[in-house]
């Protein structure tokens, strides 16, 4: 039976204690803060980033000092489908069971650009990457059940609507509108994953971390990017505070049995009305499956 916030509860989940946690986008900002907070609470912390030097530095920092999780690192540019596939194969081989996957990596792009594989960058990184990585890690997640997938979305999804005829914004491009649509898509996929994987005892939830003071939009030009940076500098919360909800959804006993929910400040709340469109979620799943070369079903 559905909860008021749209989540689905399962009484089969009890005493969740994660051992192996994978975090993407883990070298800075919310991802790094999430890793720091989870380090004392898990056995193996797996950090994914695209910069080998930054990953090595973070690994050294987290490995020093007091005892905590064993730190493992994997390099991947998640905007590239080929890299996501390679990463997933590496993770599945190295970690037969994965208790938590935190899909944290994401970005805003002021100008429309395509990846080397011909995919619009926002769509590739914010939507296709977490979708593909999550699906390819179904085996290790199911083997660890009860397990969790945490999708870092955004309140920017509010007011957004998907255009299924132009999901990759080939028409008139707006960086912020495209970003908002990508986060709406991630929440729709969260609901579809929760529906499809309910029998596997894999909880899939999304969250809004807050308006966080990170390097978000720092590599972009344009009025909107400048405004975002200025507002974040003046009013943004710290990455440590921004990671609180990610950590809560990843490891808190209070989240036991909740799947398909959207969390803000540690509480499950309603996301936008259009994010509960089941037909749109199912259609988006099929579109993403085709784009990344996977079958519709598991």
C-alpha atoms as a PDB file:
ATOM      1  CA  UNK A   1       0.000   0.000   0.000  1.00  0.00           C
ATOM      2  CA  UNK A   2       1.347   3.430  -0.925  1.00  0.00           C
ATOM      3  CA  UNK A   3       2.311   5.976   1.722  1.00  0.00           C
ATOM      4  CA  UNK A   4       1.110   9.619   1.668  1.00  0.00           C
ATOM      5  CA  UNK A   5       4.486  10.687   0.242  1.00  0.00           C
ATOM      6  CA  UNK A   6       4.161   8.190  -2.613  1.00  0.00           C
ATOM      7  CA  UNK A   7       6.587   5.661  -1.180  1.00  0.00           C
ATOM      8  CA  UNK A   8       6.099   1.925  -0.888  1.00  0.00           C
ATOM      9  CA  UNK A   9       6.809   0.137   2.360  1.00  0.00           C
ATOM     10  CA  UNK A  10       8.010  -3.408   2.791  1.00  0.00           C
ATOM     11  CA  UNK A  11       7.927  -5.141   6.158  1.00  0.00           C
ATOM     12  CA  UNK A  12      10.634  -7.519   4.912  1.00  0.00           C
ATOM     13  CA  UNK A  13      13.425  -4.997   5.532  1.00  0.00           C
ATOM     14  CA  UNK A  14      14.858  -5.190   9.029  1.00  0.00           C
ATOM     15  CA  UNK A  15      18.022  -4.030  10.783  1.00  0.00           C
ATOM     16  CA  UNK A  16      19.754  -2.401   7.822  1.00  0.00           C
ATOM     17  CA  UNK A  17      23.528  -2.179   8.346  1.00  0.00           C
ATOM     18  CA  UNK A  18      25.424  -1.336   5.131  1.00  0.00           C
ATOM     19  CA  UNK A  19      28.827  -2.919   4.588  1.00  0.00           C
ATOM     20  CA  UNK A  20      29.784  -1.836   1.053  1.00  0.00           C
ATOM     21  CA  UNK A  21      28.758   1.605  -0.212  1.00  0.00           C
ATOM     22  CA  UNK A  22      29.465   3.043  -3.673  1.00  0.00           C
ATOM     23  CA  UNK A  23      29.361   6.839  -4.149  1.00  0.00           C
ATOM     24  CA  UNK A  24      29.689   8.554  -7.528  1.00  0.00           C
ATOM     25  CA  UNK A  25      30.982  12.105  -7.798  1.00  0.00           C
ATOM     26  CA  UNK A  26      32.860  11.476  -4.577  1.00  0.00           C
ATOM     27  CA  UNK A  27      35.885  13.766  -4.908  1.00  0.00           C
ATOM     28  CA  UNK A  28      34.240  17.049  -3.908  1.00  0.00           C
ATOM     29  CA  UNK A  29      31.088  18.760  -2.691  1.00  0.00           C
ATOM     30  CA  UNK A  30      28.165  16.669  -1.501  1.00  0.00           C
ATOM     31  CA  UNK A  31      29.711  13.409  -2.663  1.00  0.00           C
ATOM     32  CA  UNK A  32      32.877  13.900  -0.619  1.00  0.00           C
ATOM     33  CA  UNK A  33      30.898  15.072   2.407  1.00  0.00           C
ATOM     34  CA  UNK A  34      28.724  11.965   2.113  1.00  0.00           C
ATOM     35  CA  UNK A  35      31.820   9.781   2.009  1.00  0.00           C
ATOM     36  CA  UNK A  36      33.291  11.476   5.095  1.00  0.00           C
ATOM     37  CA  UNK A  37      30.043  10.974   7.036  1.00  0.00           C
ATOM     38  CA  UNK A  38      29.623   7.328   6.027  1.00  0.00           C
ATOM     39  CA  UNK A  39      33.243   6.297   6.518  1.00  0.00           C
ATOM     40  CA  UNK A  40      32.903   5.346  10.215  1.00  0.00           C
ATOM     41  CA  UNK A  41      29.652   3.452   9.560  1.00  0.00           C
ATOM     42  CA  UNK A  42      30.585   0.990   6.790  1.00  0.00           C
ATOM     43  CA  UNK A  43      33.256  -1.595   6.045  1.00  0.00           C
ATOM     44  CA  UNK A  44      34.138  -0.666   2.459  1.00  0.00           C
ATOM     45  CA  UNK A  45      33.662   2.758   0.928  1.00  0.00           C
ATOM     46  CA  UNK A  46      33.937   2.804  -2.861  1.00  0.00           C
ATOM     47  CA  UNK A  47      34.583   6.236  -4.366  1.00  0.00           C
ATOM     48  CA  UNK A  48      33.996   6.998  -8.045  1.00  0.00           C
ATOM     49  CA  UNK A  49      35.369  10.094  -9.791  1.00  0.00           C
ATOM     50  CA  UNK A  50      36.728  11.134 -13.141  1.00  0.00           C
ATOM     51  CA  UNK A  51      40.015  12.685 -11.939  1.00  0.00           C
ATOM     52  CA  UNK A  52      42.600  10.080 -10.831  1.00  0.00           C
ATOM     53  CA  UNK A  53      44.688  12.645  -8.932  1.00  0.00           C
ATOM     54  CA  UNK A  54      41.696  13.947  -6.972  1.00  0.00           C
ATOM     55  CA  UNK A  55      40.563  10.413  -6.202  1.00  0.00           C
ATOM     56  CA  UNK A  56      44.017   9.501  -4.920  1.00  0.00           C
ATOM     57  CA  UNK A  57      44.139  12.598  -2.723  1.00  0.00           C
ATOM     58  CA  UNK A  58      40.691  11.924  -1.267  1.00  0.00           C
ATOM     59  CA  UNK A  59      41.587   8.280  -0.670  1.00  0.00           C
ATOM     60  CA  UNK A  60      44.743   9.265   1.229  1.00  0.00           C
ATOM     61  CA  UNK A  61      42.816  11.771   3.312  1.00  0.00           C
ATOM     62  CA  UNK A  62      40.045   9.346   4.223  1.00  0.00           C
ATOM     63  CA  UNK A  63      42.462   6.480   4.891  1.00  0.00           C
ATOM     64  CA  UNK A  64      44.548   8.422   7.398  1.00  0.00           C
ATOM     65  CA  UNK A  65      43.828   8.936  11.060  1.00  0.00           C
ATOM     66  CA  UNK A  66      41.264   7.009  13.025  1.00  0.00           C
ATOM     67  CA  UNK A  67      40.041   3.619  11.915  1.00  0.00           C
ATOM     68  CA  UNK A  68      37.146   3.455   9.506  1.00  0.00           C
ATOM     69  CA  UNK A  69      36.069   1.923   6.252  1.00  0.00           C
ATOM     70  CA  UNK A  70      38.522   0.500   3.752  1.00  0.00           C
ATOM     71  CA  UNK A  71      38.683   3.036   0.902  1.00  0.00           C
ATOM     72  CA  UNK A  72      38.569   1.864  -2.700  1.00  0.00           C
ATOM     73  CA  UNK A  73      38.582   4.079  -5.788  1.00  0.00           C
ATOM     74  CA  UNK A  74      37.458   3.713  -9.400  1.00  0.00           C
ATOM     75  CA  UNK A  75      37.982   6.222 -12.207  1.00  0.00           C
ATOM     76  CA  UNK A  76      35.192   6.868 -14.703  1.00  0.00           C
ATOM     77  CA  UNK A  77      33.762   9.721 -16.741  1.00  0.00           C
ATOM     78  CA  UNK A  78      30.080   9.043 -16.172  1.00  0.00           C
ATOM     79  CA  UNK A  79      29.037  11.246 -19.081  1.00  0.00           C
ATOM     80  CA  UNK A  80      30.341   8.460 -21.319  1.00  0.00           C
ATOM     81  CA  UNK A  81      28.161   5.368 -21.660  1.00  0.00           C
ATOM     82  CA  UNK A  82      31.227   3.239 -22.399  1.00  0.00           C
ATOM     83  CA  UNK A  83      32.821   4.361 -19.124  1.00  0.00           C
ATOM     84  CA  UNK A  84      29.646   3.597 -17.169  1.00  0.00           C
ATOM     85  CA  UNK A  85      29.607   0.094 -18.615  1.00  0.00           C
ATOM     86  CA  UNK A  86      33.292  -0.440 -17.805  1.00  0.00           C
ATOM     87  CA  UNK A  87      32.807   0.907 -14.286  1.00  0.00           C
ATOM     88  CA  UNK A  88      29.814  -1.325 -13.654  1.00  0.00           C
ATOM     89  CA  UNK A  89      31.781  -4.368 -14.781  1.00  0.00           C
ATOM     90  CA  UNK A  90      34.667  -3.425 -12.468  1.00  0.00           C
ATOM     91  CA  UNK A  91      32.364  -2.872  -9.503  1.00  0.00           C
ATOM     92  CA  UNK A  92      30.418  -6.087 -10.041  1.00  0.00           C
ATOM     93  CA  UNK A  93      33.659  -8.073 -10.240  1.00  0.00           C
ATOM     94  CA  UNK A  94      35.247  -6.426  -7.200  1.00  0.00           C
ATOM     95  CA  UNK A  95      32.178  -6.285  -4.934  1.00  0.00           C
ATOM     96  CA  UNK A  96      29.784  -9.240  -5.286  1.00  0.00           C
ATOM     97  CA  UNK A  97      27.455  -7.516  -2.851  1.00  0.00           C
ATOM     98  CA  UNK A  98      26.739  -3.769  -2.799  1.00  0.00           C
ATOM     99  CA  UNK A  99      24.557  -2.561   0.040  1.00  0.00           C
ATOM    100  CA  UNK A 100      24.183   1.064  -1.063  1.00  0.00           C
ATOM    101  CA  UNK A 101      24.681   2.847  -4.369  1.00  0.00           C
ATOM    102  CA  UNK A 102      24.653   6.646  -4.092  1.00  0.00           C
ATOM    103  CA  UNK A 103      24.124   8.201  -7.527  1.00  0.00           C
ATOM    104  CA  UNK A 104      25.513  11.602  -6.587  1.00  0.00           C
ATOM    105  CA  UNK A 105      27.361  12.688  -9.746  1.00  0.00           C
ATOM    106  CA  UNK A 106      25.570  15.377 -11.741  1.00  0.00           C
ATOM    107  CA  UNK A 107      26.124  18.781 -13.292  1.00  0.00           C
ATOM    108  CA  UNK A 108      24.626  21.897 -14.832  1.00  0.00           C
ATOM    109  CA  UNK A 109      25.747  22.976 -18.298  1.00  0.00           C
ATOM    110  CA  UNK A 110      24.958  26.500 -19.443  1.00  0.00           C
ATOM    111  CA  UNK A 111      25.685  25.706 -23.092  1.00  0.00           C
ATOM    112  CA  UNK A 112      24.421  22.715 -25.022  1.00  0.00           C
ATOM    113  CA  UNK A 113      27.196  20.279 -25.845  1.00  0.00           C
ATOM    114  CA  UNK A 114      27.233  16.666 -26.908  1.00  0.00           C
ATOM    115  CA  UNK A 115      29.508  13.962 -25.596  1.00  0.00           C
ATOM    116  CA  UNK A 116      31.849  12.019 -27.860  1.00  0.00           C
ATOM    117  CA  UNK A 117      29.044   9.457 -28.094  1.00  0.00           C
ATOM    118  CA  UNK A 118      26.638  12.088 -29.442  1.00  0.00           C
ATOM    119  CA  UNK A 119      24.477  12.518 -26.322  1.00  0.00           C
ATOM    120  CA  UNK A 120      23.579  15.875 -24.784  1.00  0.00           C
ATOM    121  CA  UNK A 121      25.814  16.197 -21.703  1.00  0.00           C
ATOM    122  CA  UNK A 122      23.141  16.958 -19.103  1.00  0.00           C
ATOM    123  CA  UNK A 123      21.040  14.011 -20.198  1.00  0.00           C
ATOM    124  CA  UNK A 124      24.074  11.730 -20.391  1.00  0.00           C
ATOM    125  CA  UNK A 125      25.413  12.535 -16.916  1.00  0.00           C
ATOM    126  CA  UNK A 126      22.286  13.301 -14.891  1.00  0.00           C
ATOM    127  CA  UNK A 127      19.924  10.690 -16.320  1.00  0.00           C
ATOM    128  CA  UNK A 128      21.472   7.967 -18.450  1.00  0.00           C
ATOM    129  CA  UNK A 129      24.498   7.411 -16.203  1.00  0.00           C
ATOM    130  CA  UNK A 130      22.585   6.707 -12.968  1.00  0.00           C
ATOM    131  CA  UNK A 131      19.979   4.711 -14.886  1.00  0.00           C
ATOM    132  CA  UNK A 132      22.563   2.511 -16.603  1.00  0.00           C
ATOM    133  CA  UNK A 133      24.849   2.091 -13.594  1.00  0.00           C
ATOM    134  CA  UNK A 134      21.941   1.151 -11.352  1.00  0.00           C
ATOM    135  CA  UNK A 135      20.601  -1.386 -13.805  1.00  0.00           C
ATOM    136  CA  UNK A 136      24.008  -2.950 -14.423  1.00  0.00           C
ATOM    137  CA  UNK A 137      24.555  -3.293 -10.659  1.00  0.00           C
ATOM    138  CA  UNK A 138      21.228  -5.034 -10.133  1.00  0.00           C
ATOM    139  CA  UNK A 139      23.020  -8.313  -9.388  1.00  0.00           C
ATOM    140  CA  UNK A 140      25.273  -7.065  -6.544  1.00  0.00           C
ATOM    141  CA  UNK A 141      22.423  -4.975  -5.116  1.00  0.00           C
ATOM    142  CA  UNK A 142      20.057  -7.932  -5.145  1.00  0.00           C
ATOM    143  CA  UNK A 143      22.734 -10.181  -3.619  1.00  0.00           C
ATOM    144  CA  UNK A 144      23.053  -7.726  -0.708  1.00  0.00           C
ATOM    145  CA  UNK A 145      19.301  -7.294  -0.199  1.00  0.00           C
ATOM    146  CA  UNK A 146      17.942  -5.492   1.652  1.00  0.00           C
ATOM    147  CA  UNK A 147      19.931  -2.825  -0.175  1.00  0.00           C
ATOM    148  CA  UNK A 148      19.443   0.785  -1.211  1.00  0.00           C
ATOM    149  CA  UNK A 149      19.882   3.083  -4.200  1.00  0.00           C
ATOM    150  CA  UNK A 150      20.071   6.801  -3.417  1.00  0.00           C
ATOM    151  CA  UNK A 151      19.464   9.226  -6.293  1.00  0.00           C
ATOM    152  CA  UNK A 152      20.551  12.810  -5.638  1.00  0.00           C
ATOM    153  CA  UNK A 153      17.919  14.862  -7.450  1.00  0.00           C
ATOM    154  CA  UNK A 154      16.954  18.497  -6.894  1.00  0.00           C
ATOM    155  CA  UNK A 155      14.057  20.823  -6.131  1.00  0.00           C
ATOM    156  CA  UNK A 156      14.840  22.227  -9.584  1.00  0.00           C
ATOM    157  CA  UNK A 157      12.535  19.500 -10.897  1.00  0.00           C
ATOM    158  CA  UNK A 158       9.509  21.458  -9.631  1.00  0.00           C
ATOM    159  CA  UNK A 159       7.762  23.077 -12.567  1.00  0.00           C
ATOM    160  CA  UNK A 160       9.646  20.988 -15.110  1.00  0.00           C
ATOM    161  CA  UNK A 161       7.925  18.872 -17.749  1.00  0.00           C
ATOM    162  CA  UNK A 162       9.480  16.312 -20.044  1.00  0.00           C
ATOM    163  CA  UNK A 163       9.284  16.733 -23.801  1.00  0.00           C
ATOM    164  CA  UNK A 164       9.535  13.179 -25.059  1.00  0.00           C
ATOM    165  CA  UNK A 165      10.048  14.482 -28.579  1.00  0.00           C
ATOM    166  CA  UNK A 166      13.165  16.384 -27.497  1.00  0.00           C
ATOM    167  CA  UNK A 167      14.591  14.867 -24.319  1.00  0.00           C
ATOM    168  CA  UNK A 168      18.120  15.929 -25.235  1.00  0.00           C
ATOM    169  CA  UNK A 169      17.183  19.563 -25.878  1.00  0.00           C
ATOM    170  CA  UNK A 170      18.157  19.711 -29.517  1.00  0.00           C
ATOM    171  CA  UNK A 171      15.699  22.570 -29.973  1.00  0.00           C
ATOM    172  CA  UNK A 172      15.902  25.799 -27.993  1.00  0.00           C
ATOM    173  CA  UNK A 173      18.334  25.179 -25.149  1.00  0.00           C
ATOM    174  CA  UNK A 174      18.214  26.545 -21.619  1.00  0.00           C
ATOM    175  CA  UNK A 175      20.772  25.207 -19.184  1.00  0.00           C
ATOM    176  CA  UNK A 176      18.594  25.548 -16.107  1.00  0.00           C
ATOM    177  CA  UNK A 177      15.439  24.208 -17.794  1.00  0.00           C
ATOM    178  CA  UNK A 178      17.381  21.225 -19.112  1.00  0.00           C
ATOM    179  CA  UNK A 179      18.870  20.633 -15.666  1.00  0.00           C
ATOM    180  CA  UNK A 180      15.410  20.746 -14.068  1.00  0.00           C
ATOM    181  CA  UNK A 181      14.062  18.296 -16.629  1.00  0.00           C
ATOM    182  CA  UNK A 182      16.961  15.939 -15.975  1.00  0.00           C
ATOM    183  CA  UNK A 183      16.177  15.907 -12.255  1.00  0.00           C
ATOM    184  CA  UNK A 184      12.479  15.308 -12.957  1.00  0.00           C
ATOM    185  CA  UNK A 185      13.536  12.393 -15.147  1.00  0.00           C
ATOM    186  CA  UNK A 186      15.683  11.008 -12.315  1.00  0.00           C
ATOM    187  CA  UNK A 187      12.732  11.117  -9.917  1.00  0.00           C
ATOM    188  CA  UNK A 188      10.435   9.447 -12.461  1.00  0.00           C
ATOM    189  CA  UNK A 189      13.033   6.706 -12.916  1.00  0.00           C
ATOM    190  CA  UNK A 190      13.317   6.391  -9.134  1.00  0.00           C
ATOM    191  CA  UNK A 191       9.615   5.592  -8.982  1.00  0.00           C
ATOM    192  CA  UNK A 192       9.906   3.097 -11.837  1.00  0.00           C
ATOM    193  CA  UNK A 193      12.913   1.364 -10.267  1.00  0.00           C
ATOM    194  CA  UNK A 194      11.038   1.143  -6.963  1.00  0.00           C
ATOM    195  CA  UNK A 195       8.043  -0.441  -8.700  1.00  0.00           C
ATOM    196  CA  UNK A 196      10.064  -2.924 -10.741  1.00  0.00           C
ATOM    197  CA  UNK A 197      12.487  -3.943  -7.980  1.00  0.00           C
ATOM    198  CA  UNK A 198      10.112  -4.135  -5.027  1.00  0.00           C
ATOM    199  CA  UNK A 199      10.250  -7.939  -4.929  1.00  0.00           C
ATOM    200  CA  UNK A 200      14.059  -7.837  -4.885  1.00  0.00           C
ATOM    201  CA  UNK A 201      14.121  -5.826  -1.638  1.00  0.00           C
ATOM    202  CA  UNK A 202      16.143  -3.053  -3.271  1.00  0.00           C
ATOM    203  CA  UNK A 203      14.878   0.299  -2.017  1.00  0.00           C
ATOM    204  CA  UNK A 204      15.267   3.152  -4.499  1.00  0.00           C
ATOM    205  CA  UNK A 205      14.747   6.706  -3.255  1.00  0.00           C
ATOM    206  CA  UNK A 206      15.494  10.252  -4.419  1.00  0.00           C
ATOM    207  CA  UNK A 207      16.324  13.411  -2.515  1.00  0.00           C
ATOM    208  CA  UNK A 208      16.904  17.140  -2.659  1.00  0.00           C
ATOM    209  CA  UNK A 209      20.133  18.017  -0.804  1.00  0.00           C
ATOM    210  CA  UNK A 210      19.328  21.712  -0.453  1.00  0.00           C
ATOM    211  CA  UNK A 211      20.909  24.733  -2.109  1.00  0.00           C
ATOM    212  CA  UNK A 212      24.507  23.762  -1.470  1.00  0.00           C
ATOM    213  CA  UNK A 213      27.631  25.899  -1.710  1.00  0.00           C
ATOM    214  CA  UNK A 214      29.710  23.745  -4.081  1.00  0.00           C
ATOM    215  CA  UNK A 215      31.434  24.212  -7.432  1.00  0.00           C
ATOM    216  CA  UNK A 216      28.098  23.659  -9.159  1.00  0.00           C
ATOM    217  CA  UNK A 217      28.029  25.868 -12.308  1.00  0.00           C
ATOM    218  CA  UNK A 218      31.576  27.144 -11.679  1.00  0.00           C
ATOM    219  CA  UNK A 219      32.829  25.915 -15.052  1.00  0.00           C
ATOM    220  CA  UNK A 220      30.003  27.649 -16.925  1.00  0.00           C
ATOM    221  CA  UNK A 221      29.544  31.085 -18.385  1.00  0.00           C
ATOM    222  CA  UNK A 222      26.397  33.121 -18.851  1.00  0.00           C
ATOM    223  CA  UNK A 223      24.006  35.125 -16.708  1.00  0.00           C
ATOM    224  CA  UNK A 224      22.246  32.132 -15.147  1.00  0.00           C
ATOM    225  CA  UNK A 225      25.512  30.449 -14.192  1.00  0.00           C
ATOM    226  CA  UNK A 226      26.804  33.688 -12.666  1.00  0.00           C
ATOM    227  CA  UNK A 227      23.572  34.125 -10.728  1.00  0.00           C
ATOM    228  CA  UNK A 228      23.705  30.554  -9.400  1.00  0.00           C
ATOM    229  CA  UNK A 229      27.284  31.024  -8.206  1.00  0.00           C
ATOM    230  CA  UNK A 230      26.482  34.340  -6.552  1.00  0.00           C
ATOM    231  CA  UNK A 231      23.385  33.020  -4.793  1.00  0.00           C
ATOM    232  CA  UNK A 232      25.189  29.878  -3.642  1.00  0.00           C
ATOM    233  CA  UNK A 233      28.002  31.960  -2.228  1.00  0.00           C
ATOM    234  CA  UNK A 234      25.580  34.189  -0.352  1.00  0.00           C
ATOM    235  CA  UNK A 235      22.875  31.769   0.730  1.00  0.00           C
ATOM    236  CA  UNK A 236      24.090  28.220   0.064  1.00  0.00           C
ATOM    237  CA  UNK A 237      24.563  25.690   2.832  1.00  0.00           C
ATOM    238  CA  UNK A 238      27.827  23.809   3.329  1.00  0.00           C
ATOM    239  CA  UNK A 239      28.447  20.477   1.559  1.00  0.00           C
ATOM    240  CA  UNK A 240      28.456  18.830   4.996  1.00  0.00           C
ATOM    241  CA  UNK A 241      24.908  20.026   5.650  1.00  0.00           C
ATOM    242  CA  UNK A 242      23.918  19.192   2.093  1.00  0.00           C
ATOM    243  CA  UNK A 243      25.074  15.617   2.586  1.00  0.00           C
ATOM    244  CA  UNK A 244      22.906  15.055   5.653  1.00  0.00           C
ATOM    245  CA  UNK A 245      19.905  13.845   3.661  1.00  0.00           C
ATOM    246  CA  UNK A 246      22.052  11.616   1.436  1.00  0.00           C
ATOM    247  CA  UNK A 247      23.535   9.970   4.523  1.00  0.00           C
ATOM    248  CA  UNK A 248      20.103   9.639   6.100  1.00  0.00           C
ATOM    249  CA  UNK A 249      18.584   7.938   3.055  1.00  0.00           C
ATOM    250  CA  UNK A 250      21.644   5.737   2.607  1.00  0.00           C
ATOM    251  CA  UNK A 251      22.030   4.441   6.135  1.00  0.00           C
ATOM    252  CA  UNK A 252      19.344   5.518   8.593  1.00  0.00           C
ATOM    253  CA  UNK A 253      17.201   2.815  10.222  1.00  0.00           C
ATOM    254  CA  UNK A 254      14.291   5.249   9.899  1.00  0.00           C
ATOM    255  CA  UNK A 255      14.287   4.705   6.132  1.00  0.00           C
ATOM    256  CA  UNK A 256      13.917   0.936   6.451  1.00  0.00           C
ATOM    257  CA  UNK A 257      11.216  -0.377   4.151  1.00  0.00           C
ATOM    258  CA  UNK A 258      10.738   2.899   2.243  1.00  0.00           C
ATOM    259  CA  UNK A 259      11.123   2.879  -1.529  1.00  0.00           C
ATOM    260  CA  UNK A 260      10.029   5.289  -4.242  1.00  0.00           C
ATOM    261  CA  UNK A 261      10.115   8.301  -1.918  1.00  0.00           C
ATOM    262  CA  UNK A 262      11.548  11.816  -2.254  1.00  0.00           C
ATOM    263  CA  UNK A 263      13.393  13.215   0.752  1.00  0.00           C
ATOM    264  CA  UNK A 264      14.023  16.818   1.771  1.00  0.00           C
ATOM    265  CA  UNK A 265      15.819  17.666   5.044  1.00  0.00           C
ATOM    266  CA  UNK A 266      15.658  14.052   6.097  1.00  0.00           C
ATOM    267  CA  UNK A 267      11.897  13.721   5.601  1.00  0.00           C
ATOM    268  CA  UNK A 268       9.909  11.986   2.883  1.00  0.00           C
ATOM    269  CA  UNK A 269       7.746  14.599   1.145  1.00  0.00           C
ATOM    270  CA  UNK A 270       5.769  14.894  -2.065  1.00  0.00           C
ATOM    271  CA  UNK A 271       7.759  15.690  -5.190  1.00  0.00           C
ATOM    272  CA  UNK A 272       6.043  17.527  -8.061  1.00  0.00           C
ATOM    273  CA  UNK A 273       2.700  16.156  -9.280  1.00  0.00           C
ATOM    274  CA  UNK A 274       4.061  15.204 -12.718  1.00  0.00           C
ATOM    275  CA  UNK A 275       6.793  13.097 -11.103  1.00  0.00           C
ATOM    276  CA  UNK A 276       4.088  10.563 -10.125  1.00  0.00           C
ATOM    277  CA  UNK A 277       2.936   9.986 -13.711  1.00  0.00           C
ATOM    278  CA  UNK A 278       3.345   6.218 -13.951  1.00  0.00           C
ATOM    279  CA  UNK A 279       2.848   6.111 -17.716  1.00  0.00           C
ATOM    280  CA  UNK A 280       5.545   8.743 -18.204  1.00  0.00           C
ATOM    281  CA  UNK A 281       7.909   6.858 -15.877  1.00  0.00           C
ATOM    282  CA  UNK A 282       7.400   3.596 -17.781  1.00  0.00           C
ATOM    283  CA  UNK A 283       7.872   5.364 -21.113  1.00  0.00           C
ATOM    284  CA  UNK A 284      11.026   7.084 -19.896  1.00  0.00           C
ATOM    285  CA  UNK A 285      12.427   3.748 -18.701  1.00  0.00           C
ATOM    286  CA  UNK A 286      11.906   2.303 -22.187  1.00  0.00           C
ATOM    287  CA  UNK A 287      13.473   5.325 -23.877  1.00  0.00           C
ATOM    288  CA  UNK A 288      16.523   5.202 -21.595  1.00  0.00           C
ATOM    289  CA  UNK A 289      16.891   1.454 -22.075  1.00  0.00           C
ATOM    290  CA  UNK A 290      16.955   1.894 -25.831  1.00  0.00           C
ATOM    291  CA  UNK A 291      19.401   4.818 -25.628  1.00  0.00           C
ATOM    292  CA  UNK A 292      21.938   2.837 -23.584  1.00  0.00           C
ATOM    293  CA  UNK A 293      21.378  -0.462 -25.375  1.00  0.00           C
ATOM    294  CA  UNK A 294      19.610  -2.457 -22.669  1.00  0.00           C
ATOM    295  CA  UNK A 295      16.442  -4.538 -22.884  1.00  0.00           C
ATOM    296  CA  UNK A 296      13.303  -3.128 -21.292  1.00  0.00           C
ATOM    297  CA  UNK A 297      13.095  -5.942 -18.751  1.00  0.00           C
ATOM    298  CA  UNK A 298      15.845  -7.068 -16.391  1.00  0.00           C
END
